[in-house]
């Protein structure tokens, strides 16, 4: 691992998010490593945003489920949209790199209590392969 990059895109274009809004699912087609705090891989960066500023800090949860139990997710990090903006802050759990195996399921989930204003979330997450 570490010679190339793997990019996964997610988006929700239905306007404001509902509580626990499922943004998307992706089954990994290769073993990957998400860098600490979803940092850069080669010339690629993780990115995120929305089309309407959040009223309050809004946290999307990034989780992985192993291929053997594809509906049993463990949080590997978050994407936080700051209050009054669409600007993201990326964090991995413990601030460390997170591996994913071929066949694992990656999920992005909106906050339990959705922000009333923030809308049309999108993100690209990069990993090393």
Protein backbone atom coordinates (compact mmCIF):
# COMPACT_ATOMS: atom_id res chain seq x y z
CA UNK A 1 0.00 0.00 0.00
CA UNK A 2 0.96 3.61 -0.40
CA UNK A 3 1.91 3.74 -4.07
CA UNK A 4 -1.32 5.17 -5.44
CA UNK A 5 -4.53 6.84 -4.41
CA UNK A 6 -8.14 5.68 -4.09
CA UNK A 7 -10.88 8.32 -4.19
CA UNK A 8 -14.46 7.81 -2.99
CA UNK A 9 -17.16 10.41 -3.60
CA UNK A 10 -20.38 10.90 -1.63
CA UNK A 11 -23.21 13.41 -2.02
CA UNK A 12 -26.71 14.14 -0.79
CA UNK A 13 -28.56 16.52 -3.10
CA UNK A 14 -31.95 16.42 -1.38
CA UNK A 15 -31.51 19.77 0.41
CA UNK A 16 -31.38 19.86 4.20
CA UNK A 17 -30.42 16.59 5.87
CA UNK A 18 -32.82 14.53 7.99
CA UNK A 19 -31.72 13.15 11.36
CA UNK A 20 -29.22 10.29 10.85
CA UNK A 21 -29.30 10.91 7.09
CA UNK A 22 -27.48 8.19 5.15
CA UNK A 23 -25.19 10.09 2.81
CA UNK A 24 -23.82 7.01 1.11
CA UNK A 25 -22.25 3.57 1.13
CA UNK A 26 -19.26 2.27 -0.80
CA UNK A 27 -17.75 -1.23 -0.90
CA UNK A 28 -13.95 -0.99 -1.14
CA UNK A 29 -12.62 -2.63 -4.31
CA UNK A 30 -9.05 -2.73 -2.92
CA UNK A 31 -7.27 -2.65 0.42
CA UNK A 32 -6.67 1.00 1.40
CA UNK A 33 -5.30 3.18 4.17
CA UNK A 34 -7.05 6.43 5.00
CA UNK A 35 -4.28 8.77 6.19
CA UNK A 36 -4.39 10.42 9.61
CA UNK A 37 -7.16 13.03 9.65
CA UNK A 38 -7.98 12.13 6.04
CA UNK A 39 -4.83 13.94 4.90
CA UNK A 40 -3.38 14.11 1.41
CA UNK A 41 -2.32 11.15 -0.69
CA UNK A 42 0.11 12.18 -3.41
CA UNK A 43 -1.55 15.23 -5.05
CA UNK A 44 -5.06 14.25 -3.90
CA UNK A 45 -6.92 15.81 -0.93
CA UNK A 46 -10.09 14.88 0.91
CA UNK A 47 -12.67 17.62 0.33
CA UNK A 48 -16.23 18.33 1.51
CA UNK A 49 -18.86 21.05 1.64
CA UNK A 50 -22.46 21.97 1.02
CA UNK A 51 -24.59 24.59 -0.71
CA UNK A 52 -26.10 26.31 2.37
CA UNK A 53 -24.14 27.37 5.48
CA UNK A 54 -24.66 25.33 8.63
CA UNK A 55 -26.37 27.12 11.52
CA UNK A 56 -24.38 25.11 14.08
CA UNK A 57 -21.40 22.77 13.93
CA UNK A 58 -22.56 19.73 11.90
CA UNK A 59 -20.75 16.40 12.18
CA UNK A 60 -20.84 13.65 9.56
CA UNK A 61 -19.63 10.24 10.76
CA UNK A 62 -17.32 8.13 8.58
CA UNK A 63 -17.44 4.42 9.44
CA UNK A 64 -16.21 1.07 8.13
CA UNK A 65 -17.80 -2.38 8.35
CA UNK A 66 -15.78 -5.54 7.64
CA UNK A 67 -16.75 -7.63 4.64
CA UNK A 68 -17.68 -10.53 6.97
CA UNK A 69 -20.23 -8.34 8.83
CA UNK A 70 -21.08 -5.59 6.32
CA UNK A 71 -23.75 -3.98 8.51
CA UNK A 72 -21.62 -3.71 11.67
CA UNK A 73 -19.96 -0.30 11.43
CA UNK A 74 -17.13 1.17 13.48
CA UNK A 75 -16.48 4.91 13.36
CA UNK A 76 -13.10 5.76 11.80
CA UNK A 77 -13.54 9.53 11.70
CA UNK A 78 -15.65 12.61 11.19
CA UNK A 79 -16.20 15.48 8.79
CA UNK A 80 -17.29 18.58 10.70
CA UNK A 81 -18.90 21.52 8.91
CA UNK A 82 -18.34 24.65 10.96
CA UNK A 83 -21.16 26.91 12.13
CA UNK A 84 -21.95 29.69 9.67
CA UNK A 85 -20.01 28.03 6.87
CA UNK A 86 -19.69 25.08 4.53
CA UNK A 87 -16.01 24.64 5.48
CA UNK A 88 -15.00 21.10 6.53
CA UNK A 89 -12.61 19.85 9.17
CA UNK A 90 -11.53 16.22 8.82
CA UNK A 91 -10.54 14.00 11.74
CA UNK A 92 -9.80 10.31 12.06
CA UNK A 93 -10.43 8.54 15.36
CA UNK A 94 -7.36 9.04 17.51
CA UNK A 95 -5.80 11.15 14.75
CA UNK A 96 -4.25 8.02 13.22
CA UNK A 97 -4.35 6.30 9.82
CA UNK A 98 -7.23 3.86 9.31
CA UNK A 99 -6.94 0.71 7.16
CA UNK A 100 -9.77 -0.78 5.15
CA UNK A 101 -9.71 -4.24 3.57
CA UNK A 102 -10.95 -5.13 0.10
CA UNK A 103 -14.70 -5.76 0.45
CA UNK A 104 -15.18 -3.60 3.56
CA UNK A 105 -18.11 -1.17 3.43
CA UNK A 106 -17.47 2.55 3.92
CA UNK A 107 -20.39 4.67 5.16
CA UNK A 108 -20.98 8.39 5.65
CA UNK A 109 -23.86 9.25 7.99
CA UNK A 110 -25.28 12.64 8.93
CA UNK A 111 -25.72 13.87 12.50
CA UNK A 112 -28.33 12.37 14.85
CA UNK A 113 -29.86 15.86 15.12
CA UNK A 114 -29.66 17.46 11.70
CA UNK A 115 -28.84 21.13 11.24
CA UNK A 116 -31.95 22.99 10.01
CA UNK A 117 -30.02 25.04 7.42
CA UNK A 118 -27.07 23.06 6.12
CA UNK A 119 -27.92 21.47 2.76
CA UNK A 120 -26.61 19.36 -0.11
CA UNK A 121 -23.56 17.80 1.55
CA UNK A 122 -20.80 16.42 -0.66
CA UNK A 123 -17.42 14.83 0.07
CA UNK A 124 -14.49 13.11 -1.55
CA UNK A 125 -12.30 10.93 0.67
CA UNK A 126 -8.84 9.84 -0.45
CA UNK A 127 -6.88 6.80 0.67
CA UNK A 128 -3.59 5.19 -0.23
CA UNK A 129 -3.52 1.87 -2.10
